[in-house]
Amino acid sequence: MSKPEQIRISFLSTIRRAVYRARFQIIGVAILYILSVLTGALMVHQGNKFALDYRDKLVQKAQSNDPAAIAYKEGKSVKAALFDFGRNLIIGTVPQTVTGLTVISPYGFAAYRGWVGGIVSVNRQHKSRFADRKQALYFIITLILQLIPYTLAGGIGVKLGMSYFKKYPEYQGQKHWLGYPLEALRDTARIYVLIVPLFCIASLWEFLIPWN
């Protein structure tokens, strides 16, 4: 085995280890996302006025102000995907991880973002996207691709925040920076190596698939 290949395998093992160390926090955030998505979807499919009105206002605002939505309407799909990728990463994910230092905040982000994902499961006529098999498949895959990196970001944010208060065995004996174990900060960076390409894939899928 060549040295570059050994380095690659070693690096990948550190990423897997980082995910494993934060598995409970990641699973917790994932469960909350699932529950909030189901709650939002159930509300709009039952005709809940608050959820439907919020959905309409949110989509209207996005179509008017979101650079990705504007670029997509202009037929610039690649530009739209790049805008979406940048906003998800910089505006959506990084704050979620940083506020994870409070431990609680990522769960709030997950509850809201998941609920929003659920309420957009109906279109502007308030008809279910699940009525059409093609649209249902596109919607479900898009939602999953978006929520996986958000879940990883929230989970590692919670883990990092908890490492300030709790002495984890895997971080014992490690040097600290501002009260946080350096290895916990490294784990955060390692998981972001996964998060960045996952968001890129999600955005490319959302805006470049012709049958959306």
N, C-alpha and C. Protein backbone atom coordinates (compact mmCIF):
# COMPACT_ATOMS: atom_id res chain seq x y z
N MET A 1 0.85 -1.20 0.00
CA MET A 1 0.00 0.00 0.00
C MET A 1 0.88 1.25 0.00
N SER A 2 0.58 2.18 -0.92
CA SER A 2 1.38 3.39 -1.03
C SER A 2 1.12 4.32 0.15
N LYS A 3 2.08 5.22 0.38
CA LYS A 3 1.93 6.15 1.50
C LYS A 3 0.72 7.07 1.34
N PRO A 4 0.47 7.65 0.13
CA PRO A 4 -0.73 8.49 -0.01
C PRO A 4 -2.01 7.72 0.31
N GLU A 5 -2.07 6.46 -0.07
CA GLU A 5 -3.26 5.66 0.21
C GLU A 5 -3.40 5.41 1.70
N GLN A 6 -2.28 5.19 2.37
CA GLN A 6 -2.30 5.00 3.82
C GLN A 6 -2.80 6.26 4.52
N ILE A 7 -2.36 7.41 4.04
CA ILE A 7 -2.78 8.68 4.62
C ILE A 7 -4.28 8.87 4.42
N ARG A 8 -4.77 8.53 3.22
CA ARG A 8 -6.19 8.68 2.92
C ARG A 8 -7.03 7.78 3.82
N ILE A 9 -6.61 6.54 3.98
CA ILE A 9 -7.35 5.60 4.83
C ILE A 9 -7.34 6.06 6.27
N SER A 10 -6.19 6.56 6.73
CA SER A 10 -6.07 7.05 8.09
C SER A 10 -6.99 8.26 8.32
N PHE A 11 -7.05 9.14 7.33
CA PHE A 11 -7.89 10.33 7.44
C PHE A 11 -9.37 9.95 7.48
N LEU A 12 -9.76 9.01 6.64
CA LEU A 12 -11.15 8.56 6.62
C LEU A 12 -11.53 7.90 7.93
N SER A 13 -10.58 7.20 8.54
CA SER A 13 -10.86 6.55 9.82
C SER A 13 -11.09 7.58 10.92
N THR A 14 -10.40 8.71 10.85
CA THR A 14 -10.62 9.76 11.86
C THR A 14 -12.00 10.39 11.70
N ILE A 15 -12.49 10.47 10.46
CA ILE A 15 -13.84 11.01 10.22
C ILE A 15 -14.88 10.05 10.77
N ARG A 16 -14.71 8.76 10.49
CA ARG A 16 -15.64 7.76 11.02
C ARG A 16 -15.64 7.77 12.54
N ARG A 17 -14.46 7.95 13.12
CA ARG A 17 -14.35 7.98 14.57
C ARG A 17 -15.06 9.20 15.15
N ALA A 18 -14.95 10.33 14.47
CA ALA A 18 -15.61 11.55 14.94
C ALA A 18 -17.13 11.39 14.92
N VAL A 19 -17.64 10.78 13.85
CA VAL A 19 -19.09 10.54 13.76
C VAL A 19 -19.52 9.57 14.86
N TYR A 20 -18.72 8.55 15.08
CA TYR A 20 -19.06 7.56 16.11
C TYR A 20 -19.08 8.20 17.51
N ARG A 21 -18.13 9.06 17.77
CA ARG A 21 -18.07 9.72 19.08
C ARG A 21 -19.30 10.59 19.33
N ALA A 22 -19.84 11.18 18.28
CA ALA A 22 -21.00 12.07 18.43
C ALA A 22 -22.30 11.36 18.05
N ARG A 23 -22.28 10.04 18.00
CA ARG A 23 -23.43 9.28 17.48
C ARG A 23 -24.71 9.53 18.26
N PHE A 24 -24.63 9.61 19.58
CA PHE A 24 -25.84 9.79 20.38
C PHE A 24 -26.46 11.16 20.13
N GLN A 25 -25.61 12.18 20.04
CA GLN A 25 -26.10 13.53 19.77
C GLN A 25 -26.68 13.62 18.35
N ILE A 26 -26.01 12.99 17.40
CA ILE A 26 -26.47 13.00 16.01
C ILE A 26 -27.82 12.27 15.90
N ILE A 27 -27.93 11.13 16.56
CA ILE A 27 -29.19 10.38 16.53
C ILE A 27 -30.31 11.18 17.19
N GLY A 28 -29.99 11.87 18.28
CA GLY A 28 -31.00 12.68 18.96
C GLY A 28 -31.53 13.78 18.06
N VAL A 29 -30.63 14.47 17.36
CA VAL A 29 -31.04 15.53 16.44
C VAL A 29 -31.84 14.93 15.28
N ALA A 30 -31.41 13.77 14.79
CA ALA A 30 -32.11 13.11 13.68
C ALA A 30 -33.53 12.74 14.06
N ILE A 31 -33.71 12.22 15.25
CA ILE A 31 -35.06 11.86 15.72
C ILE A 31 -35.95 13.09 15.78
N LEU A 32 -35.40 14.19 16.27
CA LEU A 32 -36.18 15.43 16.36
C LEU A 32 -36.56 15.93 14.97
N TYR A 33 -35.62 15.82 14.01
CA TYR A 33 -35.94 16.21 12.63
C TYR A 33 -37.08 15.36 12.09
N ILE A 34 -37.02 14.07 12.29
CA ILE A 34 -38.07 13.18 11.78
C ILE A 34 -39.42 13.53 12.38
N LEU A 35 -39.45 13.72 13.69
CA LEU A 35 -40.71 14.03 14.37
C LEU A 35 -41.27 15.37 13.92
N SER A 36 -40.41 16.36 13.76
CA SER A 36 -40.88 17.69 13.36
C SER A 36 -41.34 17.70 11.90
N VAL A 37 -40.66 16.96 11.04
CA VAL A 37 -41.11 16.84 9.64
C VAL A 37 -42.49 16.21 9.59
N LEU A 38 -42.66 15.13 10.32
CA LEU A 38 -43.96 14.44 10.34
C LEU A 38 -45.05 15.34 10.90
N THR A 39 -44.70 16.13 11.92
CA THR A 39 -45.68 17.04 12.52
C THR A 39 -46.13 18.09 11.50
N GLY A 40 -45.15 18.70 10.81
CA GLY A 40 -45.47 19.71 9.81
C GLY A 40 -46.30 19.14 8.67
N ALA A 41 -45.90 17.96 8.19
CA ALA A 41 -46.63 17.33 7.09
C ALA A 41 -48.06 16.98 7.50
N LEU A 42 -48.20 16.47 8.70
CA LEU A 42 -49.53 16.10 9.20
C LEU A 42 -50.43 17.34 9.32
N MET A 43 -49.85 18.45 9.78
CA MET A 43 -50.65 19.67 9.96
C MET A 43 -51.19 20.18 8.62
N VAL A 44 -50.33 20.26 7.62
CA VAL A 44 -50.80 20.80 6.33
C VAL A 44 -51.73 19.82 5.61
N HIS A 45 -51.49 18.53 5.78
CA HIS A 45 -52.36 17.55 5.12
C HIS A 45 -53.73 17.48 5.79
N GLN A 46 -53.80 17.95 7.03
CA GLN A 46 -55.10 18.01 7.72
C GLN A 46 -55.76 19.37 7.55
N GLY A 47 -55.11 20.26 6.79
CA GLY A 47 -55.70 21.57 6.50
C GLY A 47 -55.54 22.59 7.60
N ASN A 48 -54.53 22.43 8.45
CA ASN A 48 -54.31 23.39 9.52
C ASN A 48 -54.01 24.77 8.94
N LYS A 49 -54.84 25.76 9.27
CA LYS A 49 -54.73 27.09 8.66
C LYS A 49 -53.42 27.77 8.99
N PHE A 50 -52.98 27.67 10.24
CA PHE A 50 -51.72 28.32 10.63
C PHE A 50 -50.56 27.76 9.81
N ALA A 51 -50.49 26.44 9.70
CA ALA A 51 -49.38 25.81 8.97
C ALA A 51 -49.43 26.16 7.48
N LEU A 52 -50.63 26.14 6.90
CA LEU A 52 -50.77 26.46 5.47
C LEU A 52 -50.44 27.92 5.20
N ASP A 53 -50.91 28.81 6.05
CA ASP A 53 -50.62 30.24 5.88
C ASP A 53 -49.12 30.50 6.02
N TYR A 54 -48.50 29.85 6.99
CA TYR A 54 -47.07 30.03 7.21
C TYR A 54 -46.29 29.50 6.01
N ARG A 55 -46.73 28.38 5.49
CA ARG A 55 -46.10 27.79 4.31
C ARG A 55 -46.15 28.77 3.13
N ASP A 56 -47.32 29.36 2.90
CA ASP A 56 -47.50 30.28 1.77
C ASP A 56 -46.63 31.53 1.93
N LYS A 57 -46.59 32.09 3.13
CA LYS A 57 -45.78 33.28 3.38
C LYS A 57 -44.29 32.98 3.22
N LEU A 58 -43.89 31.82 3.72
CA LEU A 58 -42.48 31.43 3.65
C LEU A 58 -42.03 31.23 2.21
N VAL A 59 -42.84 30.54 1.42
CA VAL A 59 -42.50 30.27 0.02
C VAL A 59 -42.51 31.57 -0.78
N GLN A 60 -43.49 32.43 -0.53
CA GLN A 60 -43.57 33.71 -1.24
C GLN A 60 -42.35 34.58 -0.94
N LYS A 61 -41.95 34.59 0.32
CA LYS A 61 -40.78 35.36 0.71
C LYS A 61 -39.51 34.80 0.07
N ALA A 62 -39.40 33.48 0.02
CA ALA A 62 -38.23 32.84 -0.58
C ALA A 62 -38.15 33.15 -2.07
N GLN A 63 -39.28 33.10 -2.76
CA GLN A 63 -39.29 33.37 -4.19
C GLN A 63 -38.93 34.81 -4.51
N SER A 64 -39.18 35.70 -3.56
CA SER A 64 -38.90 37.12 -3.78
C SER A 64 -37.49 37.52 -3.34
N ASN A 65 -36.98 36.85 -2.30
CA ASN A 65 -35.72 37.30 -1.69
C ASN A 65 -34.57 36.29 -1.76
N ASP A 66 -34.87 35.02 -1.92
CA ASP A 66 -33.83 34.01 -1.91
C ASP A 66 -33.07 34.03 -3.24
N PRO A 67 -31.75 34.31 -3.22
CA PRO A 67 -30.98 34.35 -4.47
C PRO A 67 -31.06 33.05 -5.26
N ALA A 68 -31.13 31.93 -4.58
CA ALA A 68 -31.21 30.65 -5.27
C ALA A 68 -32.52 30.52 -6.03
N ALA A 69 -33.63 30.88 -5.38
CA ALA A 69 -34.93 30.80 -6.03
C ALA A 69 -35.02 31.77 -7.21
N ILE A 70 -34.46 32.96 -7.04
CA ILE A 70 -34.49 33.96 -8.11
C ILE A 70 -33.68 33.48 -9.31
N ALA A 71 -32.49 32.96 -9.04
CA ALA A 71 -31.63 32.45 -10.12
C ALA A 71 -32.30 31.29 -10.84
N TYR A 72 -32.98 30.44 -10.10
CA TYR A 72 -33.64 29.28 -10.71
C TYR A 72 -34.77 29.73 -11.63
N LYS A 73 -35.54 30.74 -11.19
CA LYS A 73 -36.63 31.25 -12.03
C LYS A 73 -36.09 31.87 -13.32
N GLU A 74 -34.86 32.37 -13.26
CA GLU A 74 -34.23 32.97 -14.44
C GLU A 74 -33.59 31.91 -15.34
N GLY A 75 -33.72 30.65 -14.94
CA GLY A 75 -33.16 29.56 -15.74
C GLY A 75 -31.69 29.28 -15.49
N LYS A 76 -31.14 29.88 -14.42
CA LYS A 76 -29.72 29.68 -14.10
C LYS A 76 -29.59 28.62 -13.00
N SER A 77 -29.74 27.37 -13.38
CA SER A 77 -29.81 26.27 -12.41
C SER A 77 -28.51 26.09 -11.63
N VAL A 78 -27.39 26.16 -12.33
CA VAL A 78 -26.09 25.97 -11.65
C VAL A 78 -25.85 27.09 -10.64
N LYS A 79 -26.14 28.30 -11.05
CA LYS A 79 -25.99 29.45 -10.14
C LYS A 79 -26.91 29.30 -8.93
N ALA A 80 -28.12 28.82 -9.18
CA ALA A 80 -29.07 28.61 -8.09
C ALA A 80 -28.54 27.56 -7.11
N ALA A 81 -27.96 26.49 -7.65
CA ALA A 81 -27.41 25.44 -6.79
C ALA A 81 -26.25 25.97 -5.95
N LEU A 82 -25.41 26.80 -6.54
CA LEU A 82 -24.28 27.37 -5.81
C LEU A 82 -24.74 28.31 -4.70
N PHE A 83 -25.75 29.12 -5.00
CA PHE A 83 -26.32 30.00 -3.98
C PHE A 83 -26.90 29.18 -2.83
N ASP A 84 -27.64 28.15 -3.19
CA ASP A 84 -28.28 27.30 -2.18
C ASP A 84 -27.23 26.62 -1.31
N PHE A 85 -26.19 26.12 -1.94
CA PHE A 85 -25.10 25.46 -1.22
C PHE A 85 -24.44 26.43 -0.23
N GLY A 86 -24.14 27.63 -0.70
CA GLY A 86 -23.48 28.62 0.16
C GLY A 86 -24.34 29.04 1.33
N ARG A 87 -25.63 29.27 1.07
CA ARG A 87 -26.53 29.70 2.14
C ARG A 87 -26.74 28.59 3.16
N ASN A 88 -26.90 27.36 2.68
CA ASN A 88 -27.08 26.24 3.61
C ASN A 88 -25.87 26.08 4.52
N LEU A 89 -24.69 26.22 3.93
CA LEU A 89 -23.47 25.99 4.69
C LEU A 89 -23.16 27.15 5.64
N ILE A 90 -23.18 28.37 5.12
CA ILE A 90 -22.72 29.52 5.90
C ILE A 90 -23.82 30.08 6.81
N ILE A 91 -25.02 30.21 6.26
CA ILE A 91 -26.11 30.81 7.04
C ILE A 91 -26.86 29.78 7.87
N GLY A 92 -26.98 28.56 7.33
CA GLY A 92 -27.75 27.55 8.03
C GLY A 92 -26.95 26.67 8.97
N THR A 93 -25.85 26.10 8.46
CA THR A 93 -25.16 25.06 9.22
C THR A 93 -24.18 25.59 10.25
N VAL A 94 -23.32 26.50 9.85
CA VAL A 94 -22.30 27.00 10.79
C VAL A 94 -22.93 27.59 12.05
N PRO A 95 -23.96 28.45 11.94
CA PRO A 95 -24.60 28.96 13.16
C PRO A 95 -25.18 27.84 14.02
N GLN A 96 -25.70 26.80 13.37
CA GLN A 96 -26.27 25.69 14.14
C GLN A 96 -25.20 24.99 14.96
N THR A 97 -24.01 24.82 14.38
CA THR A 97 -22.92 24.19 15.11
C THR A 97 -22.39 25.11 16.21
N VAL A 98 -22.20 26.38 15.86
CA VAL A 98 -21.66 27.33 16.84
C VAL A 98 -22.60 27.48 18.03
N THR A 99 -23.91 27.61 17.75
CA THR A 99 -24.84 27.75 18.86
C THR A 99 -25.02 26.44 19.62
N GLY A 100 -24.44 25.37 19.06
CA GLY A 100 -24.44 24.10 19.78
C GLY A 100 -23.66 24.19 21.07
N LEU A 101 -22.84 25.21 21.18
CA LEU A 101 -22.08 25.42 22.41
C LEU A 101 -23.03 25.66 23.58
N THR A 102 -24.27 26.07 23.27
CA THR A 102 -25.27 26.22 24.33
C THR A 102 -25.95 24.88 24.64
N VAL A 103 -25.66 23.87 23.83
CA VAL A 103 -26.20 22.51 23.93
C VAL A 103 -27.65 22.42 23.46
N ILE A 104 -28.49 23.38 23.82
CA ILE A 104 -29.92 23.30 23.54
C ILE A 104 -30.29 23.82 22.14
N SER A 105 -29.63 24.85 21.68
CA SER A 105 -30.02 25.54 20.45
C SER A 105 -30.18 24.64 19.22
N PRO A 106 -29.26 23.69 18.96
CA PRO A 106 -29.43 22.85 17.77
C PRO A 106 -30.75 22.10 17.73
N TYR A 107 -31.28 21.78 18.89
CA TYR A 107 -32.57 21.09 18.93
C TYR A 107 -33.69 22.03 18.49
N GLY A 108 -33.56 23.31 18.85
CA GLY A 108 -34.53 24.30 18.39
C GLY A 108 -34.47 24.48 16.88
N PHE A 109 -33.25 24.56 16.35
CA PHE A 109 -33.07 24.66 14.91
C PHE A 109 -33.69 23.45 14.21
N ALA A 110 -33.43 22.28 14.75
CA ALA A 110 -33.94 21.04 14.14
C ALA A 110 -35.46 21.01 14.16
N ALA A 111 -36.06 21.40 15.27
CA ALA A 111 -37.51 21.38 15.38
C ALA A 111 -38.15 22.32 14.35
N TYR A 112 -37.59 23.52 14.22
CA TYR A 112 -38.15 24.49 13.27
C TYR A 112 -37.89 24.07 11.83
N ARG A 113 -36.64 23.73 11.52
CA ARG A 113 -36.29 23.40 10.14
C ARG A 113 -37.04 22.14 9.68
N GLY A 114 -37.16 21.17 10.57
CA GLY A 114 -37.89 19.96 10.22
C GLY A 114 -39.37 20.26 9.98
N TRP A 115 -39.94 21.11 10.82
CA TRP A 115 -41.35 21.49 10.66
C TRP A 115 -41.58 22.18 9.33
N VAL A 116 -40.66 23.07 8.96
CA VAL A 116 -40.75 23.75 7.67
C VAL A 116 -40.67 22.72 6.54
N GLY A 117 -39.76 21.76 6.68
CA GLY A 117 -39.67 20.71 5.67
C GLY A 117 -40.97 19.95 5.53
N GLY A 118 -41.69 19.81 6.62
CA GLY A 118 -42.96 19.11 6.59
C GLY A 118 -44.07 19.91 5.95
N ILE A 119 -44.13 21.22 6.24
CA ILE A 119 -45.25 22.02 5.73
C ILE A 119 -45.13 22.31 4.23
N VAL A 120 -43.94 22.17 3.67
CA VAL A 120 -43.81 22.37 2.22
C VAL A 120 -44.06 21.06 1.46
N SER A 121 -44.62 20.07 2.15
CA SER A 121 -44.98 18.82 1.48
C SER A 121 -46.29 18.97 0.71
N VAL A 122 -46.86 20.17 0.74
CA VAL A 122 -47.99 20.49 -0.14
C VAL A 122 -47.54 21.63 -1.05
N ASN A 123 -48.15 21.71 -2.24
CA ASN A 123 -47.77 22.75 -3.19
C ASN A 123 -48.58 24.03 -2.96
N ARG A 124 -48.48 24.98 -3.87
CA ARG A 124 -49.15 26.27 -3.65
C ARG A 124 -50.67 26.16 -3.72
N GLN A 125 -51.17 25.09 -4.33
CA GLN A 125 -52.61 24.83 -4.32
C GLN A 125 -53.02 24.02 -3.08
N HIS A 126 -52.05 23.79 -2.22
CA HIS A 126 -52.24 23.01 -0.99
C HIS A 126 -52.60 21.56 -1.27
N LYS A 127 -52.11 21.07 -2.41
CA LYS A 127 -52.29 19.66 -2.75
C LYS A 127 -51.02 18.90 -2.39
N SER A 128 -51.18 17.70 -1.93
CA SER A 128 -50.05 16.90 -1.46
C SER A 128 -49.06 16.59 -2.58
N ARG A 129 -47.78 16.75 -2.27
CA ARG A 129 -46.74 16.38 -3.22
C ARG A 129 -46.62 14.86 -3.33
N PHE A 130 -47.24 14.16 -2.40
CA PHE A 130 -47.16 12.70 -2.41
C PHE A 130 -48.19 12.08 -3.35
N ALA A 131 -49.07 12.91 -3.90
CA ALA A 131 -50.10 12.39 -4.80
C ALA A 131 -49.50 11.89 -6.11
N ASP A 132 -48.39 12.50 -6.51
CA ASP A 132 -47.69 12.10 -7.72
C ASP A 132 -46.41 11.38 -7.34
N ARG A 133 -46.23 10.17 -7.85
CA ARG A 133 -45.08 9.35 -7.44
C ARG A 133 -43.76 10.03 -7.74
N LYS A 134 -43.67 10.67 -8.90
CA LYS A 134 -42.43 11.33 -9.29
C LYS A 134 -42.11 12.50 -8.37
N GLN A 135 -43.11 13.34 -8.11
CA GLN A 135 -42.92 14.48 -7.21
C GLN A 135 -42.62 14.04 -5.79
N ALA A 136 -43.29 12.97 -5.37
CA ALA A 136 -43.06 12.46 -4.01
C ALA A 136 -41.62 11.99 -3.85
N LEU A 137 -41.12 11.26 -4.85
CA LEU A 137 -39.75 10.75 -4.80
C LEU A 137 -38.75 11.90 -4.77
N TYR A 138 -38.98 12.89 -5.63
CA TYR A 138 -38.09 14.05 -5.67
C TYR A 138 -38.09 14.78 -4.33
N PHE A 139 -39.29 15.01 -3.78
CA PHE A 139 -39.41 15.74 -2.52
C PHE A 139 -38.72 14.99 -1.38
N ILE A 140 -38.96 13.70 -1.27
CA ILE A 140 -38.38 12.91 -0.18
C ILE A 140 -36.86 12.86 -0.28
N ILE A 141 -36.34 12.62 -1.47
CA ILE A 141 -34.88 12.55 -1.64
C ILE A 141 -34.24 13.91 -1.34
N THR A 142 -34.87 14.98 -1.82
CA THR A 142 -34.35 16.33 -1.56
C THR A 142 -34.30 16.61 -0.06
N LEU A 143 -35.39 16.28 0.62
CA LEU A 143 -35.47 16.53 2.06
C LEU A 143 -34.40 15.73 2.81
N ILE A 144 -34.23 14.47 2.45
CA ILE A 144 -33.24 13.63 3.12
C ILE A 144 -31.82 14.15 2.88
N LEU A 145 -31.53 14.51 1.63
CA LEU A 145 -30.19 15.01 1.30
C LEU A 145 -29.88 16.31 2.05
N GLN A 146 -30.88 17.15 2.26
CA GLN A 146 -30.67 18.39 2.98
C GLN A 146 -30.51 18.15 4.49
N LEU A 147 -31.34 17.26 5.03
CA LEU A 147 -31.35 17.10 6.48
C LEU A 147 -30.19 16.27 7.03
N ILE A 148 -29.59 15.42 6.21
CA ILE A 148 -28.44 14.64 6.70
C ILE A 148 -27.30 15.55 7.15
N PRO A 149 -26.81 16.47 6.30
CA PRO A 149 -25.74 17.36 6.77
C PRO A 149 -26.16 18.27 7.91
N TYR A 150 -27.43 18.72 7.90
CA TYR A 150 -27.90 19.54 9.01
C TYR A 150 -27.89 18.74 10.31
N THR A 151 -28.23 17.48 10.22
CA THR A 151 -28.23 16.61 11.40
C THR A 151 -26.82 16.42 11.92
N LEU A 152 -25.87 16.19 11.03
CA LEU A 152 -24.47 16.03 11.44
C LEU A 152 -23.97 17.31 12.11
N ALA A 153 -24.31 18.46 11.53
CA ALA A 153 -23.86 19.75 12.09
C ALA A 153 -24.45 19.98 13.47
N GLY A 154 -25.74 19.69 13.61
CA GLY A 154 -26.37 19.87 14.91
C GLY A 154 -25.82 18.92 15.95
N GLY A 155 -25.64 17.67 15.56
CA GLY A 155 -25.14 16.67 16.49
C GLY A 155 -23.74 16.97 17.00
N ILE A 156 -22.84 17.34 16.10
CA ILE A 156 -21.47 17.62 16.54
C ILE A 156 -21.43 18.94 17.32
N GLY A 157 -22.36 19.86 17.01
CA GLY A 157 -22.44 21.09 17.79
C GLY A 157 -22.81 20.81 19.23
N VAL A 158 -23.79 19.91 19.42
CA VAL A 158 -24.20 19.52 20.77
C VAL A 158 -23.05 18.82 21.49
N LYS A 159 -22.37 17.92 20.78
CA LYS A 159 -21.25 17.19 21.38
C LYS A 159 -20.16 18.15 21.82
N LEU A 160 -19.86 19.12 20.96
CA LEU A 160 -18.83 20.10 21.30
C LEU A 160 -19.25 20.92 22.51
N GLY A 161 -20.50 21.34 22.53
CA GLY A 161 -20.98 22.12 23.67
C GLY A 161 -20.94 21.33 24.96
N MET A 162 -21.32 20.07 24.90
CA MET A 162 -21.32 19.23 26.10
C MET A 162 -19.91 18.94 26.59
N SER A 163 -18.95 18.94 25.66
CA SER A 163 -17.56 18.65 26.05
C SER A 163 -16.99 19.74 26.95
N TYR A 164 -17.62 20.91 26.96
CA TYR A 164 -17.19 21.99 27.84
C TYR A 164 -17.54 21.68 29.29
N PHE A 165 -18.68 21.00 29.47
CA PHE A 165 -19.19 20.72 30.81
C PHE A 165 -18.92 19.30 31.28
N LYS A 166 -18.80 18.38 30.33
CA LYS A 166 -18.67 16.97 30.68
C LYS A 166 -17.31 16.43 30.23
N LYS A 167 -16.71 15.62 31.08
CA LYS A 167 -15.41 15.04 30.76
C LYS A 167 -15.62 13.70 30.05
N TYR A 168 -15.53 13.72 28.73
CA TYR A 168 -15.66 12.50 27.96
C TYR A 168 -14.35 11.72 27.97
N PRO A 169 -14.40 10.39 28.08
CA PRO A 169 -13.18 9.58 28.11
C PRO A 169 -12.29 9.80 26.89
N GLU A 170 -12.93 9.96 25.71
CA GLU A 170 -12.15 10.12 24.49
C GLU A 170 -11.40 11.45 24.42
N TYR A 171 -11.78 12.39 25.28
CA TYR A 171 -11.12 13.69 25.28
C TYR A 171 -10.26 13.92 26.52
N GLN A 172 -10.15 12.91 27.35
CA GLN A 172 -9.34 13.03 28.56
C GLN A 172 -7.87 13.16 28.19
N GLY A 173 -7.17 14.01 28.91
CA GLY A 173 -5.74 14.21 28.67
C GLY A 173 -5.44 15.11 27.49
N GLN A 174 -6.50 15.63 26.85
CA GLN A 174 -6.30 16.50 25.70
C GLN A 174 -6.11 17.95 26.15
N LYS A 175 -5.36 18.69 25.36
CA LYS A 175 -5.22 20.12 25.62
C LYS A 175 -6.55 20.81 25.33
N HIS A 176 -6.77 21.95 25.99
CA HIS A 176 -8.02 22.68 25.84
C HIS A 176 -7.77 24.06 25.24
N TRP A 177 -8.80 24.57 24.57
CA TRP A 177 -8.78 25.93 24.04
C TRP A 177 -10.09 26.59 24.43
N LEU A 178 -10.01 27.62 25.25
CA LEU A 178 -11.18 28.31 25.77
C LEU A 178 -12.13 27.35 26.49
N GLY A 179 -11.57 26.33 27.09
CA GLY A 179 -12.38 25.38 27.85
C GLY A 179 -12.84 24.18 27.05
N TYR A 180 -12.62 24.18 25.74
CA TYR A 180 -13.05 23.06 24.90
C TYR A 180 -11.85 22.18 24.55
N PRO A 181 -12.00 20.87 24.65
CA PRO A 181 -10.89 19.97 24.28
C PRO A 181 -10.54 20.15 22.81
N LEU A 182 -9.26 20.23 22.51
CA LEU A 182 -8.83 20.41 21.13
C LEU A 182 -9.29 19.25 20.25
N GLU A 183 -9.33 18.05 20.81
CA GLU A 183 -9.76 16.89 20.03
C GLU A 183 -11.24 17.01 19.67
N ALA A 184 -12.04 17.61 20.53
CA ALA A 184 -13.46 17.83 20.21
C ALA A 184 -13.58 18.83 19.06
N LEU A 185 -12.74 19.84 19.06
CA LEU A 185 -12.74 20.81 17.96
C LEU A 185 -12.27 20.15 16.67
N ARG A 186 -11.31 19.25 16.79
CA ARG A 186 -10.85 18.51 15.59
C ARG A 186 -11.96 17.62 15.06
N ASP A 187 -12.70 16.98 15.96
CA ASP A 187 -13.82 16.14 15.53
C ASP A 187 -14.85 16.96 14.76
N THR A 188 -15.08 18.18 15.22
CA THR A 188 -16.02 19.07 14.54
C THR A 188 -15.54 19.35 13.11
N ALA A 189 -14.26 19.65 12.97
CA ALA A 189 -13.69 19.91 11.65
C ALA A 189 -13.76 18.66 10.77
N ARG A 190 -13.53 17.50 11.36
CA ARG A 190 -13.58 16.25 10.59
C ARG A 190 -14.98 15.98 10.05
N ILE A 191 -15.99 16.23 10.86
CA ILE A 191 -17.36 16.00 10.40
C ILE A 191 -17.75 17.02 9.33
N TYR A 192 -17.18 18.21 9.41
CA TYR A 192 -17.46 19.20 8.36
C TYR A 192 -16.86 18.78 7.01
N VAL A 193 -15.88 17.92 7.06
CA VAL A 193 -15.36 17.36 5.80
C VAL A 193 -16.44 16.55 5.10
N LEU A 194 -17.35 15.97 5.87
CA LEU A 194 -18.51 15.28 5.32
C LEU A 194 -19.63 16.24 4.95
N ILE A 195 -19.86 17.21 5.82
CA ILE A 195 -20.98 18.12 5.65
C ILE A 195 -20.89 18.92 4.35
N VAL A 196 -19.71 19.43 4.04
CA VAL A 196 -19.56 20.30 2.86
C VAL A 196 -19.95 19.58 1.57
N PRO A 197 -19.37 18.41 1.25
CA PRO A 197 -19.78 17.75 0.01
C PRO A 197 -21.23 17.26 0.02
N LEU A 198 -21.74 16.90 1.20
CA LEU A 198 -23.13 16.46 1.28
C LEU A 198 -24.08 17.59 0.92
N PHE A 199 -23.78 18.80 1.38
CA PHE A 199 -24.61 19.95 1.01
C PHE A 199 -24.49 20.26 -0.48
N CYS A 200 -23.30 20.08 -1.01
CA CYS A 200 -23.08 20.32 -2.44
C CYS A 200 -23.93 19.36 -3.26
N ILE A 201 -23.94 18.10 -2.88
CA ILE A 201 -24.74 17.08 -3.57
C ILE A 201 -26.23 17.42 -3.46
N ALA A 202 -26.65 17.83 -2.26
CA ALA A 202 -28.07 18.16 -2.05
C ALA A 202 -28.52 19.31 -2.93
N SER A 203 -27.69 20.35 -3.04
CA SER A 203 -28.05 21.51 -3.84
C SER A 203 -28.05 21.18 -5.33
N LEU A 204 -27.08 20.42 -5.76
CA LEU A 204 -27.03 20.02 -7.18
C LEU A 204 -28.25 19.17 -7.53
N TRP A 205 -28.62 18.27 -6.64
CA TRP A 205 -29.80 17.45 -6.87
C TRP A 205 -31.05 18.32 -6.94
N GLU A 206 -31.19 19.24 -6.01
CA GLU A 206 -32.41 20.04 -5.94
C GLU A 206 -32.63 20.90 -7.15
N PHE A 207 -31.56 21.48 -7.70
CA PHE A 207 -31.73 22.46 -8.77
C PHE A 207 -31.36 21.97 -10.16
N LEU A 208 -30.67 20.84 -10.24
CA LEU A 208 -30.26 20.36 -11.57
C LEU A 208 -31.06 19.18 -12.07
N ILE A 209 -31.88 18.58 -11.19
CA ILE A 209 -32.73 17.48 -11.65
C ILE A 209 -33.90 18.08 -12.43
N PRO A 210 -34.08 17.69 -13.69
CA PRO A 210 -35.08 18.36 -14.56
C PRO A 210 -36.53 18.11 -14.20
N TRP A 211 -36.81 17.07 -13.41
CA TRP A 211 -38.22 16.76 -13.14
C TRP A 211 -38.69 17.24 -11.78
N ASN A 212 -38.03 18.32 -11.24
CA ASN A 212 -38.48 18.86 -9.96
C ASN A 212 -39.62 19.85 -10.14
